[in-house]
Amino acid sequence: MERRPGRRRSRAARGAVLAVVAALVLAPAAGAAGAAGAVSTAPAGPAGTPPAVARLQHAPAADAEPPGTLRELLAAITGSATADPLDLAPGTLAVDREGEEGLAVSWALLDTVDGRWTGSADAATRRSEAESTIKVWLALDTLLAAAQRGRPVPPAVRADIAAAVRASDDAAAERLYRALGRDASTARLGPECGVTVSTSRPGWWSYTQVSALDAARVLACVRERAPALPGGPELLADLDAVTPDGRSGIRPVLPGAVAEKNGWTLHGGDGWNVHCVLAWEDRALAVLTTYPGGLGVEHGWQVCRDVAADVLATS
């Protein structure tokens, strides 16, 4: 696969850009982290602090004079006329991992307020198994069904929602899926969230086919609609507290409450699918990856972090 033309930045350069973003956008969080103690030296990975996150914790002194607006500063650093990737057409913002041998990656960044989006050239067309990212919809659909019946969610079902979202428990997700009518649930994504999906294997929630743009829109829809539903605030709390083995490592660099639901499966000879989907403030980001099985799941988490670093450096 050929690399698409575009300006390239080294990972060190991306780290420097992200450090500036952290200093200006996440200054309160960085200050709190500094007050708490030294920067973590844990190894990269879902259970540790990735290097990009560690770099983000090194903020300039609080009394430093910001050199212009954030957009002007980022434009100067990146050499781009725009510091907002949403101003760019899909396929025109290059990320370093695109074109890597054996790796298929598509990504989408969505403005959850006005619906604008950008991403890879195939962000809206390349579809992959949703894996566990679809569990967030099963959770919301369960809340919607209970609200329509005018009944509270039973404690056992509430426990299944928490297990499916926080710990990515497959058995809990399967119980939700069956109670919702199996593929009748994913079909409701159209009228409820404006996202039309298909399946490559009827009766299996993990085989729901989504694009990167679909995945971003689904999580954005859940984050928008949950607060108005009984049990919705608890669902959002679940999405902000996924267990370490289900974390991409991107969440610590994002401001405020974050909704995160990732998916990862080794499909034998077809290799890994590792998908990372996060929503925060007025943005949602989805990164879908497929690559050879011998590389392990951590390879996918690292690709997600690298793509996020490229995209967020111009956000």
Protein backbone atom coordinates (compact mmCIF):
# COMPACT_ATOMS: atom_id res chain seq x y z
CA MET A 1 0.00 0.00 0.00
CA GLU A 2 1.39 3.38 -0.94
CA ARG A 3 1.57 6.20 1.54
CA ARG A 4 -0.70 9.08 0.67
CA PRO A 5 1.18 12.30 0.04
CA GLY A 6 1.33 14.72 2.92
CA ARG A 7 3.61 16.37 5.41
CA ARG A 8 5.21 13.98 7.85
CA ARG A 9 6.21 14.65 11.42
CA SER A 10 8.46 12.47 13.55
CA ARG A 11 7.00 10.99 16.71
CA ALA A 12 9.23 13.30 18.72
CA ALA A 13 7.77 16.27 16.87
CA ARG A 14 4.26 15.01 17.50
CA GLY A 15 5.09 14.68 21.18
CA ALA A 16 6.28 18.29 21.28
CA VAL A 17 3.08 19.48 19.64
CA LEU A 18 0.95 17.47 22.04
CA ALA A 19 2.87 18.89 24.99
CA VAL A 20 1.91 22.39 23.84
CA VAL A 21 -1.70 21.31 23.44
CA ALA A 22 -1.66 19.89 26.95
CA ALA A 23 -0.15 23.04 28.39
CA LEU A 24 -2.76 25.32 26.81
CA VAL A 25 -5.86 23.15 26.73
CA LEU A 26 -5.34 20.85 29.70
CA ALA A 27 -3.47 23.26 32.00
CA PRO A 28 -5.75 22.68 35.04
CA ALA A 29 -5.41 18.91 34.73
CA ALA A 30 -1.67 19.16 34.22
CA GLY A 31 -1.35 21.35 37.27
CA ALA A 32 -3.28 18.84 39.35
CA ALA A 33 -1.05 16.04 38.09
CA GLY A 34 2.05 18.03 38.96
CA ALA A 35 0.77 18.66 42.45
CA ALA A 36 0.10 14.98 42.93
CA GLY A 37 3.66 13.87 42.28
CA ALA A 38 6.23 12.89 39.68
CA VAL A 39 5.42 11.77 36.16
CA SER A 40 4.76 8.04 35.89
CA THR A 41 7.42 5.94 34.25
CA ALA A 42 5.12 2.97 33.62
CA PRO A 43 5.64 1.20 30.29
CA ALA A 44 3.40 1.93 27.34
CA GLY A 45 0.20 -0.09 27.16
CA PRO A 46 -3.41 -0.12 28.32
CA ALA A 47 -2.40 -0.70 31.96
CA GLY A 48 0.35 1.93 31.99
CA THR A 49 0.89 5.51 30.98
CA PRO A 50 1.93 5.69 27.30
CA PRO A 51 4.91 7.89 26.43
CA ALA A 52 2.71 10.48 24.70
CA VAL A 53 0.69 10.85 27.88
CA ALA A 54 3.82 11.21 30.01
CA ARG A 55 5.04 13.98 27.71
CA LEU A 56 1.70 15.73 28.09
CA GLN A 57 2.28 16.05 31.81
CA HIS A 58 5.33 18.30 31.30
CA ALA A 59 3.60 21.68 31.09
CA PRO A 60 5.36 25.08 31.08
CA ALA A 61 5.29 27.20 34.20
CA ALA A 62 1.86 28.61 35.04
CA ASP A 63 3.05 32.18 34.53
CA ALA A 64 4.42 31.50 31.03
CA GLU A 65 3.02 33.87 28.39
CA PRO A 66 1.07 31.93 25.70
CA PRO A 67 2.48 32.95 22.29
CA GLY A 68 -0.80 33.78 20.54
CA THR A 69 -4.00 31.78 20.23
CA LEU A 70 -3.97 28.00 20.30
CA ARG A 71 -4.86 27.79 16.62
CA GLU A 72 -2.12 30.27 15.65
CA LEU A 73 0.44 28.40 17.74
CA LEU A 74 -0.47 25.01 16.35
CA ALA A 75 -0.48 26.38 12.82
CA ALA A 76 3.03 27.73 13.38
CA ILE A 77 4.27 24.43 14.80
CA THR A 78 2.64 22.18 12.21
CA GLY A 79 3.31 24.45 9.24
CA SER A 80 -0.35 24.16 8.29
CA ALA A 81 -2.68 26.99 7.37
CA THR A 82 -5.25 25.42 9.68
CA ALA A 83 -4.96 23.95 13.14
CA ASP A 84 -8.40 22.32 13.04
CA PRO A 85 -8.50 18.99 11.20
CA LEU A 86 -12.26 19.39 10.76
CA ASP A 87 -11.43 22.09 8.22
CA LEU A 88 -9.74 19.43 6.08
CA ALA A 89 -11.47 17.09 3.66
CA PRO A 90 -11.29 13.35 4.42
CA GLY A 91 -8.05 11.85 3.17
CA THR A 92 -6.02 15.06 3.33
CA LEU A 93 -4.67 14.82 6.90
CA ALA A 94 -1.92 12.21 6.80
CA VAL A 95 -1.07 10.13 9.87
CA ASP A 96 2.25 8.40 10.24
CA ARG A 97 0.89 4.83 10.50
CA GLU A 98 -1.02 4.96 7.20
CA GLY A 99 0.62 2.83 4.54
CA GLU A 100 2.46 0.62 7.03
CA GLU A 101 2.93 -2.89 5.64
CA GLY A 102 0.34 -5.33 6.92
CA LEU A 103 -1.70 -2.64 8.66
CA ALA A 104 -5.11 -1.40 7.57
CA VAL A 105 -6.19 1.65 9.52
CA SER A 106 -9.14 3.99 9.08
CA TRP A 107 -10.12 6.82 11.38
CA ALA A 108 -12.74 9.54 11.79
CA LEU A 109 -12.92 12.68 13.93
CA LEU A 110 -16.46 13.98 14.42
CA ASP A 111 -17.76 17.31 15.71
CA THR A 112 -20.66 16.12 17.83
CA VAL A 113 -22.32 19.54 17.83
CA ASP A 114 -22.60 20.36 14.13
CA GLY A 115 -21.88 16.95 12.57
CA ARG A 116 -18.77 18.02 10.64
CA TRP A 117 -16.17 15.31 10.32
CA THR A 118 -12.87 14.43 8.75
CA GLY A 119 -10.76 11.32 8.67
CA SER A 120 -8.98 8.87 6.44
CA ALA A 121 -10.06 8.64 2.81
CA ASP A 122 -12.01 5.44 3.64
CA ALA A 123 -13.48 6.61 6.95
CA ALA A 124 -17.06 6.34 5.71
CA THR A 125 -16.67 3.37 3.36
CA ARG A 126 -14.29 0.77 4.82
CA ARG A 127 -16.27 -1.49 7.13
CA SER A 128 -15.05 -3.89 9.76
CA GLU A 129 -16.55 -6.05 12.50
CA ALA A 130 -17.58 -3.70 15.31
CA GLU A 131 -16.28 -6.11 17.96
CA SER A 132 -16.98 -4.88 21.48
CA THR A 133 -17.49 -1.27 20.44
CA ILE A 134 -21.13 -2.18 19.69
CA LYS A 135 -21.73 -3.02 23.37
CA VAL A 136 -22.23 0.67 24.08
CA TRP A 137 -25.26 0.65 21.79
CA LEU A 138 -26.67 -2.53 23.41
CA ALA A 139 -26.41 -0.72 26.75
CA LEU A 140 -28.24 2.39 25.50
CA ASP A 141 -30.89 0.35 23.65
CA THR A 142 -31.59 -1.47 26.92
CA LEU A 143 -32.18 1.86 28.67
CA LEU A 144 -34.39 3.07 25.81
CA ALA A 145 -36.50 -0.10 25.97
CA ALA A 146 -36.98 0.25 29.73
CA ALA A 147 -37.95 3.92 29.38
CA GLN A 148 -40.49 3.07 26.68
CA ARG A 149 -42.07 0.48 28.98
CA GLY A 150 -42.08 2.96 31.83
CA ARG A 151 -40.20 0.53 34.05
CA PRO A 152 -36.85 0.80 35.84
CA VAL A 153 -33.95 -1.33 34.65
CA PRO A 154 -33.82 -4.42 36.90
CA PRO A 155 -30.68 -4.71 39.05
CA ALA A 156 -29.50 -7.82 37.19
CA VAL A 157 -29.77 -6.02 33.85
CA ARG A 158 -28.05 -2.96 35.26
CA ALA A 159 -25.22 -5.26 36.37
CA ASP A 160 -24.99 -6.66 32.84
CA ILE A 161 -24.72 -3.15 31.40
CA ALA A 162 -21.89 -2.30 33.78
CA ALA A 163 -20.08 -5.57 33.06
CA ALA A 164 -20.47 -5.24 29.28
CA VAL A 165 -19.26 -1.64 29.22
CA ARG A 166 -16.63 -1.47 31.97
CA ALA A 167 -15.13 -4.96 31.67
CA SER A 168 -16.26 -5.75 28.10
CA ASP A 169 -17.92 -8.92 29.38
CA ASP A 170 -19.13 -10.91 26.36
CA ALA A 171 -21.64 -13.05 28.26
CA ALA A 172 -23.29 -9.94 29.73
CA ALA A 173 -23.45 -8.34 26.27
CA GLU A 174 -25.00 -11.51 24.85
CA ARG A 175 -27.79 -11.41 27.44
CA LEU A 176 -28.56 -7.79 26.57
CA TYR A 177 -28.49 -8.58 22.84
CA ARG A 178 -30.90 -11.50 23.13
CA ALA A 179 -33.33 -9.58 25.32
CA LEU A 180 -33.36 -6.78 22.72
CA GLY A 181 -34.25 -9.12 19.84
CA ARG A 182 -30.71 -9.70 18.54
CA ASP A 183 -30.26 -7.97 15.18
CA ALA A 184 -33.48 -6.02 15.77
CA SER A 185 -31.40 -3.99 18.22
CA THR A 186 -28.67 -3.02 15.78
CA ALA A 187 -31.37 -2.24 13.19
CA ARG A 188 -32.68 0.41 15.60
CA LEU A 189 -29.43 2.33 15.23
CA GLY A 190 -30.94 3.85 12.09
CA PRO A 191 -34.03 5.51 13.58
CA GLU A 192 -32.44 6.22 16.96
CA CYS A 193 -28.96 7.45 15.97
CA GLY A 194 -29.06 7.92 12.21
CA VAL A 195 -26.49 5.18 11.67
CA THR A 196 -27.29 2.31 9.30
CA VAL A 197 -25.28 -0.86 9.86
CA SER A 198 -25.21 -4.33 8.37
CA THR A 199 -23.88 -7.66 9.58
CA SER A 200 -21.63 -10.29 8.07
CA ARG A 201 -23.02 -12.94 10.43
CA PRO A 202 -26.66 -12.57 11.54
CA GLY A 203 -27.29 -13.26 15.19
CA TRP A 204 -23.82 -12.19 16.33
CA TRP A 205 -23.46 -8.69 17.78
CA SER A 206 -19.69 -8.61 17.27
CA TYR A 207 -20.09 -9.08 13.50
CA THR A 208 -22.03 -5.85 13.09
CA GLN A 209 -20.25 -4.03 10.27
CA VAL A 210 -19.26 -0.43 10.94
CA SER A 211 -17.04 2.21 9.40
CA ALA A 212 -14.86 4.51 11.49
CA LEU A 213 -17.43 7.26 10.97
CA ASP A 214 -20.24 4.92 12.09
CA ALA A 215 -18.33 4.02 15.25
CA ALA A 216 -17.75 7.67 16.13
CA ARG A 217 -21.40 8.53 15.51
CA VAL A 218 -22.69 5.62 17.60
CA LEU A 219 -20.66 6.59 20.65
CA ALA A 220 -21.56 10.26 20.17
CA CYS A 221 -25.24 9.30 20.04
CA VAL A 222 -24.98 7.28 23.23
CA ARG A 223 -23.18 10.11 25.02
CA GLU A 224 -25.81 12.62 23.88
CA ARG A 225 -28.92 10.59 24.69
CA ALA A 226 -27.92 8.80 27.89
CA PRO A 227 -28.33 11.75 30.32
CA ALA A 228 -32.08 11.97 29.65
CA LEU A 229 -32.71 8.29 30.44
CA PRO A 230 -33.08 6.52 33.79
CA GLY A 231 -29.74 4.79 34.30
CA GLY A 232 -28.06 7.01 31.72
CA PRO A 233 -25.71 8.84 34.08
CA GLU A 234 -24.55 5.47 35.40
CA LEU A 235 -23.87 4.32 31.83
CA LEU A 236 -21.73 7.41 31.19
CA ALA A 237 -19.84 6.70 34.41
CA ASP A 238 -19.21 3.17 33.15
CA LEU A 239 -17.86 4.54 29.86
CA ASP A 240 -15.47 6.80 31.73
CA ALA A 241 -14.13 3.94 33.85
CA VAL A 242 -13.36 0.99 31.56
CA THR A 243 -11.01 -1.58 33.08
CA PRO A 244 -7.28 -1.33 32.30
CA ASP A 245 -7.21 -4.19 29.79
CA GLY A 246 -9.83 -2.37 27.71
CA ARG A 247 -8.13 1.02 27.60
CA SER A 248 -6.43 2.41 24.52
CA GLY A 249 -4.19 4.78 26.50
CA ILE A 250 -5.68 7.86 24.82
CA ARG A 251 -8.12 8.86 27.54
CA PRO A 252 -5.59 10.56 29.91
CA VAL A 253 -4.81 13.29 27.35
CA LEU A 254 -8.47 14.24 26.88
CA PRO A 255 -10.26 16.88 28.98
CA GLY A 256 -13.23 16.27 31.23
CA ALA A 257 -15.44 13.20 31.34
CA VAL A 258 -14.68 10.82 28.47
CA ALA A 259 -16.77 8.02 26.99
CA GLU A 260 -14.56 5.17 25.79
CA LYS A 261 -15.50 1.79 24.34
CA ASN A 262 -12.94 -0.25 22.46
CA GLY A 263 -12.99 -3.65 20.79
CA TRP A 264 -10.30 -6.22 20.11
CA THR A 265 -10.46 -9.74 18.66
CA LEU A 266 -7.93 -12.11 17.10
CA HIS A 267 -9.58 -13.66 14.03
CA GLY A 268 -7.15 -16.54 13.51
CA GLY A 269 -5.32 -16.28 10.21
CA ASP A 270 -7.14 -13.05 9.38
CA GLY A 271 -5.29 -11.28 12.19
CA TRP A 272 -6.32 -8.76 14.81
CA ASN A 273 -9.08 -6.20 14.79
CA VAL A 274 -8.32 -3.55 17.42
CA HIS A 275 -10.71 -0.60 17.45
CA CYS A 276 -10.54 2.48 19.69
CA VAL A 277 -13.51 4.83 20.08
CA LEU A 278 -13.67 7.83 22.42
CA ALA A 279 -15.96 10.85 22.83
CA TRP A 280 -15.34 13.97 24.92
CA GLU A 281 -16.67 17.53 25.04
CA ASP A 282 -17.68 18.20 21.39
CA ARG A 283 -15.54 15.56 19.67
CA ALA A 284 -15.62 11.83 18.96
CA LEU A 285 -12.67 9.88 17.55
CA ALA A 286 -12.70 6.36 16.14
CA VAL A 287 -9.64 4.42 14.96
CA LEU A 288 -10.23 0.99 13.39
CA THR A 289 -7.23 -1.26 12.78
CA THR A 290 -6.60 -4.68 11.26
CA TYR A 291 -3.14 -6.29 11.18
CA PRO A 292 -1.33 -9.67 11.35
CA GLY A 293 -2.02 -11.79 14.41
CA GLY A 294 1.62 -12.30 15.31
CA LEU A 295 1.99 -8.66 16.31
CA GLY A 296 -0.22 -8.95 19.41
CA VAL A 297 -2.94 -6.73 20.80
CA GLU A 298 -0.56 -4.06 22.13
CA HIS A 299 0.41 -3.24 18.54
CA GLY A 300 -3.16 -2.11 17.94
CA TRP A 301 -3.29 0.03 21.06
CA GLN A 302 -0.07 1.72 19.97
CA VAL A 303 -1.45 2.41 16.49
CA CYS A 304 -4.53 4.00 18.10
CA ARG A 305 -2.33 6.20 20.26
CA ASP A 306 -0.14 7.23 17.34
CA VAL A 307 -3.10 8.12 15.14
CA ALA A 308 -4.71 10.05 17.99
CA ALA A 309 -1.46 11.93 18.57
CA ASP A 310 -1.33 13.01 14.91
CA VAL A 311 -4.99 14.05 14.88
CA LEU A 312 -5.10 15.75 18.27
CA ALA A 313 -1.93 17.68 17.53
CA THR A 314 -4.02 19.72 15.11
CA SER A 315 -7.27 19.79 17.08
